[in-house]
Amino acid sequence: MRGFFIHSPRDNVAVATRDLKAGTMVVVPLNEKPVKVKLLDDIPLGHKFALRRIEAGAAVVKYGEAIGVATKTASAGAHVHVHNLKSQRF
Protein backbone atom coordinates (compact mmCIF):
# COMPACT_ATOMS: atom_id res chain seq x y z
CA MET A 1 0.00 0.00 0.00
CA ARG A 2 1.40 3.34 -1.09
CA GLY A 3 -0.08 5.44 1.71
CA PHE A 4 -0.83 8.59 -0.27
CA PHE A 5 -2.91 9.88 -3.17
CA ILE A 6 -2.23 12.50 -5.82
CA HIS A 7 -5.39 13.97 -7.34
CA SER A 8 -3.87 15.50 -10.48
CA PRO A 9 -0.51 15.43 -12.27
CA ARG A 10 -0.37 19.23 -11.71
CA ASP A 11 -0.47 18.83 -7.89
CA ASN A 12 2.54 19.82 -5.80
CA VAL A 13 1.12 18.09 -2.70
CA ALA A 14 -0.10 14.56 -1.98
CA VAL A 15 -2.66 13.48 0.62
CA ALA A 16 -1.85 10.76 3.17
CA THR A 17 -4.31 7.85 3.05
CA ARG A 18 -2.95 6.58 6.38
CA ASP A 19 -0.68 7.96 9.08
CA LEU A 20 2.86 8.25 7.66
CA LYS A 21 6.00 8.52 9.77
CA ALA A 22 8.85 10.99 9.30
CA GLY A 23 11.76 9.30 7.55
CA THR A 24 9.52 7.15 5.36
CA MET A 25 10.65 7.09 1.73
CA VAL A 26 7.78 7.29 -0.75
CA VAL A 27 8.01 6.83 -4.50
CA VAL A 28 6.00 9.48 -6.31
CA PRO A 29 4.99 8.91 -9.95
CA LEU A 30 5.78 12.36 -11.38
CA ASN A 31 5.92 12.92 -15.14
CA GLU A 32 6.29 9.22 -16.00
CA LYS A 33 9.52 9.07 -13.97
CA PRO A 34 9.17 8.02 -10.32
CA VAL A 35 10.76 10.38 -7.80
CA LYS A 36 11.74 9.34 -4.27
CA VAL A 37 10.63 11.72 -1.52
CA LYS A 38 11.70 11.29 2.11
CA LEU A 39 9.02 12.49 4.52
CA LEU A 40 10.47 15.15 6.81
CA ASP A 41 7.57 15.14 9.29
CA ASP A 42 4.90 12.78 10.52
CA ILE A 43 1.95 13.14 8.13
CA PRO A 44 -1.43 12.33 9.72
CA LEU A 45 -4.19 10.65 7.73
CA GLY A 46 -5.85 13.19 5.42
CA HIS A 47 -3.05 15.75 5.66
CA LYS A 48 -0.84 16.92 2.82
CA PHE A 49 2.90 16.72 2.15
CA ALA A 50 4.95 18.56 -0.45
CA LEU A 51 5.93 16.54 -3.51
CA ARG A 52 8.64 19.06 -4.37
CA ARG A 53 9.91 22.32 -2.89
CA ILE A 54 7.16 24.95 -2.59
CA GLU A 55 8.52 28.45 -2.08
CA ALA A 56 6.88 30.90 0.33
CA GLY A 57 4.28 32.86 -1.64
CA ALA A 58 3.82 30.11 -4.24
CA ALA A 59 0.53 28.38 -4.93
CA VAL A 60 -0.20 25.08 -3.21
CA VAL A 61 -1.87 22.92 -5.86
CA LYS A 62 -4.31 20.09 -5.07
CA TYR A 63 -6.99 18.70 -7.43
CA GLY A 64 -5.00 20.44 -10.18
CA GLU A 65 -6.06 23.82 -8.77
CA ALA A 66 -4.48 26.32 -6.40
CA ILE A 67 -6.02 25.79 -2.95
CA GLY A 68 -3.91 28.37 -1.16
CA VAL A 69 -0.53 30.02 -0.80
CA ALA A 70 2.50 28.75 1.08
CA THR A 71 3.24 31.09 3.99
CA LYS A 72 6.65 29.43 4.50
CA THR A 73 8.89 27.48 2.15
CA ALA A 74 8.13 23.74 2.32
CA SER A 75 10.81 21.28 1.21
CA ALA A 76 9.84 18.07 -0.57
CA GLY A 77 8.45 15.71 2.07
CA ALA A 78 7.36 18.47 4.47
CA HIS A 79 3.92 18.52 6.13
CA VAL A 80 1.68 21.11 4.44
CA HIS A 81 -1.16 22.30 6.64
CA VAL A 82 -2.41 25.43 8.46
CA HIS A 83 1.06 26.18 9.90
CA ASN A 84 2.49 26.89 6.42
CA LEU A 85 -0.55 27.29 4.14
CA LYS A 86 -3.05 30.12 3.84
CA SER A 87 -6.29 28.97 2.26
CA GLN A 88 -7.72 30.91 -0.66
CA ARG A 89 -11.20 30.37 0.78
CA PHE A 90 -10.72 32.06 4.15
PDB file of N, CA and C in Angstrom:
ATOM      1  N   MET A   1       0.846  -1.195   0.000  1.00  0.00           N
ATOM      2  CA  MET A   1       0.000   0.000   0.000  1.00  0.00           C
ATOM      3  C   MET A   1       0.878   1.240   0.000  1.00  0.00           C
ATOM      4  N   ARG A   2       0.588   2.141  -0.884  1.00  0.00           N
ATOM      5  CA  ARG A   2       1.401   3.337  -1.087  1.00  0.00           C
ATOM      6  C   ARG A   2       1.279   4.320   0.063  1.00  0.00           C
ATOM      7  N   GLY A   3       0.078   4.569   0.566  1.00  0.00           N
ATOM      8  CA  GLY A   3      -0.082   5.443   1.714  1.00  0.00           C
ATOM      9  C   GLY A   3      -0.379   6.896   1.392  1.00  0.00           C
ATOM     10  N   PHE A   4      -0.504   7.214   0.102  1.00  0.00           N
ATOM     11  CA  PHE A   4      -0.825   8.593  -0.275  1.00  0.00           C
ATOM     12  C   PHE A   4      -1.543   8.600  -1.612  1.00  0.00           C
ATOM     13  N   PHE A   5      -2.166   9.738  -1.920  1.00  0.00           N
ATOM     14  CA  PHE A   5      -2.907   9.880  -3.165  1.00  0.00           C
ATOM     15  C   PHE A   5      -2.586  11.235  -3.779  1.00  0.00           C
ATOM     16  N   ILE A   6      -2.418  11.254  -5.075  1.00  0.00           N
ATOM     17  CA  ILE A   6      -2.228  12.503  -5.822  1.00  0.00           C
ATOM     18  C   ILE A   6      -3.452  12.654  -6.718  1.00  0.00           C
ATOM     19  N   HIS A   7      -4.150  13.767  -6.597  1.00  0.00           N
ATOM     20  CA  HIS A   7      -5.391  13.972  -7.335  1.00  0.00           C
ATOM     21  C   HIS A   7      -5.174  14.308  -8.805  1.00  0.00           C
ATOM     22  N   SER A   8      -4.111  15.030  -9.114  1.00  0.00           N
ATOM     23  CA  SER A   8      -3.868  15.505 -10.479  1.00  0.00           C
ATOM     24  C   SER A   8      -2.362  15.546 -10.735  1.00  0.00           C
ATOM     25  N   PRO A   9      -1.937  15.326 -11.972  1.00  0.00           N
ATOM     26  CA  PRO A   9      -0.508  15.429 -12.271  1.00  0.00           C
ATOM     27  C   PRO A   9       0.052  16.842 -12.039  1.00  0.00           C
ATOM     28  N   ARG A  10      -0.817  17.838 -11.949  1.00  0.00           N
ATOM     29  CA  ARG A  10      -0.372  19.227 -11.707  1.00  0.00           C
ATOM     30  C   ARG A  10      -0.141  19.518 -10.221  1.00  0.00           C
ATOM     31  N   ASP A  11      -0.582  18.610  -9.336  1.00  0.00           N
ATOM     32  CA  ASP A  11      -0.475  18.835  -7.890  1.00  0.00           C
ATOM     33  C   ASP A  11       0.981  18.924  -7.431  1.00  0.00           C
ATOM     34  N   ASN A  12       1.214  19.782  -6.435  1.00  0.00           N
ATOM     35  CA  ASN A  12       2.540  19.819  -5.802  1.00  0.00           C
ATOM     36  C   ASN A  12       2.460  19.316  -4.357  1.00  0.00           C
ATOM     37  N   VAL A  13       1.295  18.758  -3.994  1.00  0.00           N
ATOM     38  CA  VAL A  13       1.117  18.086  -2.700  1.00  0.00           C
ATOM     39  C   VAL A  13       0.398  16.766  -2.930  1.00  0.00           C
ATOM     40  N   ALA A  14       0.622  15.834  -1.999  1.00  0.00           N
ATOM     41  CA  ALA A  14      -0.100  14.565  -1.979  1.00  0.00           C
ATOM     42  C   ALA A  14      -0.837  14.488  -0.656  1.00  0.00           C
ATOM     43  N   VAL A  15      -1.851  13.637  -0.583  1.00  0.00           N
ATOM     44  CA  VAL A  15      -2.661  13.477   0.620  1.00  0.00           C
ATOM     45  C   VAL A  15      -2.395  12.082   1.205  1.00  0.00           C
ATOM     46  N   ALA A  16      -2.093  12.036   2.495  1.00  0.00           N
ATOM     47  CA  ALA A  16      -1.848  10.762   3.171  1.00  0.00           C
ATOM     48  C   ALA A  16      -3.154   9.987   3.308  1.00  0.00           C
ATOM     49  N   THR A  17      -3.132   8.715   2.912  1.00  0.00           N
ATOM     50  CA  THR A  17      -4.308   7.853   3.053  1.00  0.00           C
ATOM     51  C   THR A  17      -4.207   6.980   4.300  1.00  0.00           C
ATOM     52  N   ARG A  18      -3.159   7.207   5.069  1.00  0.00           N
ATOM     53  CA  ARG A  18      -2.955   6.583   6.382  1.00  0.00           C
ATOM     54  C   ARG A  18      -1.900   7.427   7.088  1.00  0.00           C
ATOM     55  N   ASP A  19      -1.734   7.246   8.365  1.00  0.00           N
ATOM     56  CA  ASP A  19      -0.678   7.964   9.083  1.00  0.00           C
ATOM     57  C   ASP A  19       0.671   7.533   8.521  1.00  0.00           C
ATOM     58  N   LEU A  20       1.523   8.512   8.199  1.00  0.00           N
ATOM     59  CA  LEU A  20       2.861   8.245   7.663  1.00  0.00           C
ATOM     60  C   LEU A  20       3.894   8.823   8.616  1.00  0.00           C
ATOM     61  N   LYS A  21       4.957   8.111   8.827  1.00  0.00           N
ATOM     62  CA  LYS A  21       6.003   8.520   9.768  1.00  0.00           C
ATOM     63  C   LYS A  21       7.115   9.293   9.072  1.00  0.00           C
ATOM     64  N   ALA A  22       7.667  10.270   9.780  1.00  0.00           N
ATOM     65  CA  ALA A  22       8.849  10.989   9.302  1.00  0.00           C
ATOM     66  C   ALA A  22       9.945   9.971   9.012  1.00  0.00           C
ATOM     67  N   GLY A  23      10.681  10.198   7.943  1.00  0.00           N
ATOM     68  CA  GLY A  23      11.756   9.298   7.551  1.00  0.00           C
ATOM     69  C   GLY A  23      11.332   8.262   6.531  1.00  0.00           C
ATOM     70  N   THR A  24      10.014   8.091   6.356  1.00  0.00           N
ATOM     71  CA  THR A  24       9.521   7.149   5.356  1.00  0.00           C
ATOM     72  C   THR A  24       9.883   7.654   3.965  1.00  0.00           C
ATOM     73  N   MET A  25      10.355   6.758   3.118  1.00  0.00           N
ATOM     74  CA  MET A  25      10.654   7.094   1.732  1.00  0.00           C
ATOM     75  C   MET A  25       9.465   6.676   0.888  1.00  0.00           C
ATOM     76  N   VAL A  26       8.892   7.612   0.137  1.00  0.00           N
ATOM     77  CA  VAL A  26       7.782   7.293  -0.751  1.00  0.00           C
ATOM     78  C   VAL A  26       8.245   7.490  -2.184  1.00  0.00           C
ATOM     79  N   VAL A  27       7.689   6.707  -3.075  1.00  0.00           N
ATOM     80  CA  VAL A  27       8.005   6.828  -4.498  1.00  0.00           C
ATOM     81  C   VAL A  27       6.808   7.485  -5.164  1.00  0.00           C
ATOM     82  N   VAL A  28       7.055   8.658  -5.737  1.00  0.00           N
ATOM     83  CA  VAL A  28       5.999   9.485  -6.309  1.00  0.00           C
ATOM     84  C   VAL A  28       6.077   9.401  -7.833  1.00  0.00           C
ATOM     85  N   PRO A  29       4.984   9.004  -8.488  1.00  0.00           N
ATOM     86  CA  PRO A  29       4.994   8.905  -9.951  1.00  0.00           C
ATOM     87  C   PRO A  29       4.792  10.271 -10.611  1.00  0.00           C
ATOM     88  N   LEU A  30       5.861  11.030 -10.758  1.00  0.00           N
ATOM     89  CA  LEU A  30       5.778  12.356 -11.382  1.00  0.00           C
ATOM     90  C   LEU A  30       6.301  12.307 -12.812  1.00  0.00           C
ATOM     91  N   ASN A  31       5.500  12.791 -13.751  1.00  0.00           N
ATOM     92  CA  ASN A  31       5.921  12.919 -15.142  1.00  0.00           C
ATOM     93  C   ASN A  31       6.535  11.646 -15.710  1.00  0.00           C
ATOM     94  N   GLU A  32       5.881  10.518 -15.480  1.00  0.00           N
ATOM     95  CA  GLU A  32       6.295   9.215 -15.998  1.00  0.00           C
ATOM     96  C   GLU A  32       7.618   8.710 -15.421  1.00  0.00           C
ATOM     97  N   LYS A  33       8.275   9.497 -14.600  1.00  0.00           N
ATOM     98  CA  LYS A  33       9.522   9.067 -13.972  1.00  0.00           C
ATOM     99  C   LYS A  33       9.335   9.141 -12.460  1.00  0.00           C
ATOM    100  N   PRO A  34       9.353   8.000 -11.773  1.00  0.00           N
ATOM    101  CA  PRO A  34       9.170   8.017 -10.319  1.00  0.00           C
ATOM    102  C   PRO A  34      10.259   8.821  -9.608  1.00  0.00           C
ATOM    103  N   VAL A  35       9.843   9.570  -8.598  1.00  0.00           N
ATOM    104  CA  VAL A  35      10.756  10.381  -7.799  1.00  0.00           C
ATOM    105  C   VAL A  35      10.626   9.912  -6.357  1.00  0.00           C
ATOM    106  N   LYS A  36      11.758   9.722  -5.679  1.00  0.00           N
ATOM    107  CA  LYS A  36      11.738   9.339  -4.267  1.00  0.00           C
ATOM    108  C   LYS A  36      11.697  10.598  -3.409  1.00  0.00           C
ATOM    109  N   VAL A  37      10.773  10.602  -2.450  1.00  0.00           N
ATOM    110  CA  VAL A  37      10.629  11.718  -1.522  1.00  0.00           C
ATOM    111  C   VAL A  37      10.692  11.158  -0.108  1.00  0.00           C
ATOM    112  N   LYS A  38      11.598  11.694   0.711  1.00  0.00           N
ATOM    113  CA  LYS A  38      11.696  11.291   2.113  1.00  0.00           C
ATOM    114  C   LYS A  38      10.824  12.231   2.933  1.00  0.00           C
ATOM    115  N   LEU A  39       9.895  11.662   3.702  1.00  0.00           N
ATOM    116  CA  LEU A  39       9.019  12.491   4.522  1.00  0.00           C
ATOM    117  C   LEU A  39       9.813  13.109   5.663  1.00  0.00           C
ATOM    118  N   LEU A  40       9.715  14.413   5.808  1.00  0.00           N
ATOM    119  CA  LEU A  40      10.466  15.151   6.815  1.00  0.00           C
ATOM    120  C   LEU A  40       9.728  15.231   8.146  1.00  0.00           C
ATOM    121  N   ASP A  41       8.425  15.018   8.103  1.00  0.00           N
ATOM    122  CA  ASP A  41       7.568  15.141   9.287  1.00  0.00           C
ATOM    123  C   ASP A  41       6.614  13.952   9.314  1.00  0.00           C
ATOM    124  N   ASP A  42       6.017  13.710  10.474  1.00  0.00           N
ATOM    125  CA  ASP A  42       4.895  12.781  10.524  1.00  0.00           C
ATOM    126  C   ASP A  42       3.747  13.425   9.750  1.00  0.00           C
ATOM    127  N   ILE A  43       3.069  12.637   8.925  1.00  0.00           N
ATOM    128  CA  ILE A  43       1.946  13.142   8.134  1.00  0.00           C
ATOM    129  C   ILE A  43       0.697  12.368   8.560  1.00  0.00           C
ATOM    130  N   PRO A  44      -0.210  13.028   9.283  1.00  0.00           N
ATOM    131  CA  PRO A  44      -1.429  12.335   9.717  1.00  0.00           C
ATOM    132  C   PRO A  44      -2.360  12.022   8.536  1.00  0.00           C
ATOM    133  N   LEU A  45      -3.177  11.007   8.709  1.00  0.00           N
ATOM    134  CA  LEU A  45      -4.194  10.652   7.727  1.00  0.00           C
ATOM    135  C   LEU A  45      -4.956  11.893   7.271  1.00  0.00           C
ATOM    136  N   GLY A  46      -5.079  12.080   5.973  1.00  0.00           N
ATOM    137  CA  GLY A  46      -5.851  13.193   5.416  1.00  0.00           C
ATOM    138  C   GLY A  46      -5.082  14.483   5.259  1.00  0.00           C
ATOM    139  N   HIS A  47      -3.863  14.545   5.790  1.00  0.00           N
ATOM    140  CA  HIS A  47      -3.052  15.752   5.663  1.00  0.00           C
ATOM    141  C   HIS A  47      -2.178  15.679   4.418  1.00  0.00           C
ATOM    142  N   LYS A  48      -1.624  16.803   4.046  1.00  0.00           N
ATOM    143  CA  LYS A  48      -0.836  16.917   2.822  1.00  0.00           C
ATOM    144  C   LYS A  48       0.667  16.945   3.116  1.00  0.00           C
ATOM    145  N   PHE A  49       1.453  16.515   2.109  1.00  0.00           N
ATOM    146  CA  PHE A  49       2.900  16.720   2.154  1.00  0.00           C
ATOM    147  C   PHE A  49       3.353  17.200   0.781  1.00  0.00           C
ATOM    148  N   ALA A  50       4.423  17.981   0.791  1.00  0.00           N
ATOM    149  CA  ALA A  50       4.947  18.560  -0.452  1.00  0.00           C
ATOM    150  C   ALA A  50       5.625  17.483  -1.291  1.00  0.00           C
ATOM    151  N   LEU A  51       5.305  17.475  -2.578  1.00  0.00           N
ATOM    152  CA  LEU A  51       5.930  16.542  -3.507  1.00  0.00           C
ATOM    153  C   LEU A  51       7.272  17.075  -4.004  1.00  0.00           C
ATOM    154  N   ARG A  52       7.406  18.372  -3.990  1.00  0.00           N
ATOM    155  CA  ARG A  52       8.642  19.064  -4.374  1.00  0.00           C
ATOM    156  C   ARG A  52       8.672  20.369  -3.595  1.00  0.00           C
ATOM    157  N   ARG A  53       9.767  21.067  -3.632  1.00  0.00           N
ATOM    158  CA  ARG A  53       9.911  22.320  -2.888  1.00  0.00           C
ATOM    159  C   ARG A  53       8.829  23.322  -3.325  1.00  0.00           C
ATOM    160  N   ILE A  54       8.170  23.908  -2.337  1.00  0.00           N
ATOM    161  CA  ILE A  54       7.162  24.948  -2.588  1.00  0.00           C
ATOM    162  C   ILE A  54       7.660  26.204  -1.882  1.00  0.00           C
ATOM    163  N   GLU A  55       7.994  27.206  -2.641  1.00  0.00           N
ATOM    164  CA  GLU A  55       8.521  28.449  -2.078  1.00  0.00           C
ATOM    165  C   GLU A  55       7.425  29.248  -1.371  1.00  0.00           C
ATOM    166  N   ALA A  56       7.817  29.991  -0.345  1.00  0.00           N
ATOM    167  CA  ALA A  56       6.880  30.904   0.330  1.00  0.00           C
ATOM    168  C   ALA A  56       6.280  31.836  -0.718  1.00  0.00           C
ATOM    169  N   GLY A  57       4.975  32.003  -0.684  1.00  0.00           N
ATOM    170  CA  GLY A  57       4.279  32.860  -1.635  1.00  0.00           C
ATOM    171  C   GLY A  57       3.790  32.127  -2.877  1.00  0.00           C
ATOM    172  N   ALA A  58       4.236  30.893  -3.077  1.00  0.00           N
ATOM    173  CA  ALA A  58       3.819  30.106  -4.244  1.00  0.00           C
ATOM    174  C   ALA A  58       2.490  29.408  -3.972  1.00  0.00           C
ATOM    175  N   ALA A  59       1.804  29.084  -5.042  1.00  0.00           N
ATOM    176  CA  ALA A  59       0.532  28.376  -4.934  1.00  0.00           C
ATOM    177  C   ALA A  59       0.756  26.943  -4.465  1.00  0.00           C
ATOM    178  N   VAL A  60      -0.134  26.489  -3.587  1.00  0.00           N
ATOM    179  CA  VAL A  60      -0.203  25.080  -3.211  1.00  0.00           C
ATOM    180  C   VAL A  60      -1.308  24.498  -4.082  1.00  0.00           C
ATOM    181  N   VAL A  61      -0.955  23.452  -4.855  1.00  0.00           N
ATOM    182  CA  VAL A  61      -1.874  22.920  -5.855  1.00  0.00           C
ATOM    183  C   VAL A  61      -2.330  21.517  -5.470  1.00  0.00           C
ATOM    184  N   LYS A  62      -3.656  21.366  -5.367  1.00  0.00           N
ATOM    185  CA  LYS A  62      -4.312  20.091  -5.070  1.00  0.00           C
ATOM    186  C   LYS A  62      -5.539  20.021  -5.978  1.00  0.00           C
ATOM    187  N   TYR A  63      -5.896  18.872  -6.452  1.00  0.00           N
ATOM    188  CA  TYR A  63      -6.988  18.701  -7.432  1.00  0.00           C
ATOM    189  C   TYR A  63      -6.666  19.413  -8.744  1.00  0.00           C
ATOM    190  N   GLY A  64      -5.382  19.726  -8.977  1.00  0.00           N
ATOM    191  CA  GLY A  64      -5.003  20.442 -10.183  1.00  0.00           C
ATOM    192  C   GLY A  64      -5.280  21.929 -10.113  1.00  0.00           C
ATOM    193  N   GLU A  65      -5.716  22.416  -8.963  1.00  0.00           N
ATOM    194  CA  GLU A  65      -6.062  23.824  -8.768  1.00  0.00           C
ATOM    195  C   GLU A  65      -5.355  24.386  -7.542  1.00  0.00           C
ATOM    196  N   ALA A  66      -5.071  25.667  -7.569  1.00  0.00           N
ATOM    197  CA  ALA A  66      -4.481  26.323  -6.399  1.00  0.00           C
ATOM    198  C   ALA A  66      -5.513  26.326  -5.279  1.00  0.00           C
ATOM    199  N   ILE A  67      -5.114  25.803  -4.110  1.00  0.00           N
ATOM    200  CA  ILE A  67      -6.022  25.789  -2.954  1.00  0.00           C
ATOM    201  C   ILE A  67      -5.599  26.813  -1.909  1.00  0.00           C
ATOM    202  N   GLY A  68      -4.428  27.396  -2.109  1.00  0.00           N
ATOM    203  CA  GLY A  68      -3.913  28.371  -1.162  1.00  0.00           C
ATOM    204  C   GLY A  68      -2.505  28.774  -1.525  1.00  0.00           C
ATOM    205  N   VAL A  69      -1.883  29.491  -0.595  1.00  0.00           N
ATOM    206  CA  VAL A  69      -0.530  30.020  -0.802  1.00  0.00           C
ATOM    207  C   VAL A  69       0.343  29.566   0.358  1.00  0.00           C
ATOM    208  N   ALA A  70       1.551  29.145   0.033  1.00  0.00           N
ATOM    209  CA  ALA A  70       2.501  28.750   1.076  1.00  0.00           C
ATOM    210  C   ALA A  70       2.944  29.990   1.840  1.00  0.00           C
ATOM    211  N   THR A  71       2.819  29.958   3.165  1.00  0.00           N
ATOM    212  CA  THR A  71       3.245  31.092   3.987  1.00  0.00           C
ATOM    213  C   THR A  71       4.711  30.951   4.397  1.00  0.00           C
ATOM    214  N   LYS A  72       5.245  29.735   4.248  1.00  0.00           N
ATOM    215  CA  LYS A  72       6.654  29.426   4.504  1.00  0.00           C
ATOM    216  C   LYS A  72       7.098  28.458   3.416  1.00  0.00           C
ATOM    217  N   THR A  73       8.376  28.450   3.108  1.00  0.00           N
ATOM    218  CA  THR A  73       8.889  27.480   2.149  1.00  0.00           C
ATOM    219  C   THR A  73       8.759  26.073   2.738  1.00  0.00           C
ATOM    220  N   ALA A  74       8.269  25.140   1.916  1.00  0.00           N
ATOM    221  CA  ALA A  74       8.134  23.739   2.325  1.00  0.00           C
ATOM    222  C   ALA A  74       9.009  22.895   1.409  1.00  0.00           C
ATOM    223  N   SER A  75       9.965  22.191   1.988  1.00  0.00           N
ATOM    224  CA  SER A  75      10.811  21.283   1.212  1.00  0.00           C
ATOM    225  C   SER A  75      10.009  20.052   0.824  1.00  0.00           C
ATOM    226  N   ALA A  76      10.479  19.334  -0.187  1.00  0.00           N
ATOM    227  CA  ALA A  76       9.842  18.068  -0.569  1.00  0.00           C
ATOM    228  C   ALA A  76       9.795  17.171   0.656  1.00  0.00           C
ATOM    229  N   GLY A  77       8.626  16.598   0.925  1.00  0.00           N
ATOM    230  CA  GLY A  77       8.447  15.714   2.073  1.00  0.00           C
ATOM    231  C   GLY A  77       7.945  16.397   3.325  1.00  0.00           C
ATOM    232  N   ALA A  78       7.818  17.720   3.300  1.00  0.00           N
ATOM    233  CA  ALA A  78       7.355  18.465   4.473  1.00  0.00           C
ATOM    234  C   ALA A  78       5.826  18.419   4.591  1.00  0.00           C
ATOM    235  N   HIS A  79       5.350  18.448   5.828  1.00  0.00           N
ATOM    236  CA  HIS A  79       3.919  18.522   6.132  1.00  0.00           C
ATOM    237  C   HIS A  79       3.405  19.871   5.642  1.00  0.00           C
ATOM    238  N   VAL A  80       2.303  19.873   4.910  1.00  0.00           N
ATOM    239  CA  VAL A  80       1.677  21.106   4.436  1.00  0.00           C
ATOM    240  C   VAL A  80       0.292  21.171   5.064  1.00  0.00           C
ATOM    241  N   HIS A  81       0.097  22.165   5.923  1.00  0.00           N
ATOM    242  CA  HIS A  81      -1.165  22.303   6.644  1.00  0.00           C
ATOM    243  C   HIS A  81      -1.291  23.767   7.079  1.00  0.00           C
ATOM    244  N   VAL A  82      -2.119  24.056   8.063  1.00  0.00           N
ATOM    245  CA  VAL A  82      -2.406  25.430   8.458  1.00  0.00           C
ATOM    246  C   VAL A  82      -1.184  26.196   8.967  1.00  0.00           C
ATOM    247  N   HIS A  83      -0.126  25.500   9.389  1.00  0.00           N
ATOM    248  CA  HIS A  83       1.063  26.182   9.899  1.00  0.00           C
ATOM    249  C   HIS A  83       1.914  26.780   8.769  1.00  0.00           C
ATOM    250  N   ASN A  84       1.689  26.359   7.525  1.00  0.00           N
ATOM    251  CA  ASN A  84       2.485  26.893   6.421  1.00  0.00           C
ATOM    252  C   ASN A  84       1.665  27.071   5.138  1.00  0.00           C
ATOM    253  N   LEU A  85       0.348  27.134   5.281  1.00  0.00           N
ATOM    254  CA  LEU A  85      -0.546  27.294   4.145  1.00  0.00           C
ATOM    255  C   LEU A  85      -1.678  28.239   4.510  1.00  0.00           C
ATOM    256  N   LYS A  86      -1.904  29.232   3.661  1.00  0.00           N
ATOM    257  CA  LYS A  86      -3.054  30.124   3.837  1.00  0.00           C
ATOM    258  C   LYS A  86      -4.070  29.772   2.756  1.00  0.00           C
ATOM    259  N   SER A  87      -5.230  29.366   3.188  1.00  0.00           N
ATOM    260  CA  SER A  87      -6.288  28.967   2.259  1.00  0.00           C
ATOM    261  C   SER A  87      -6.747  30.157   1.421  1.00  0.00           C
ATOM    262  N   GLN A  88      -7.147  29.877   0.202  1.00  0.00           N
ATOM    263  CA  GLN A  88      -7.723  30.909  -0.658  1.00  0.00           C
ATOM    264  C   GLN A  88      -9.184  31.163  -0.308  1.00  0.00           C
ATOM    265  N   ARG A  89      -9.784  30.241   0.441  1.00  0.00           N
ATOM    266  CA  ARG A  89     -11.203  30.374   0.778  1.00  0.00           C
ATOM    267  C   ARG A  89     -11.448  31.279   1.976  1.00  0.00           C
ATOM    268  N   PHE A  90     -10.498  31.328   2.911  1.00  0.00           N
ATOM    269  CA  PHE A  90     -10.724  32.065   4.150  1.00  0.00           C
ATOM    270  C   PHE A  90      -9.646  33.099   4.368  1.00  0.00           C
TER     271      PHE A  90
END
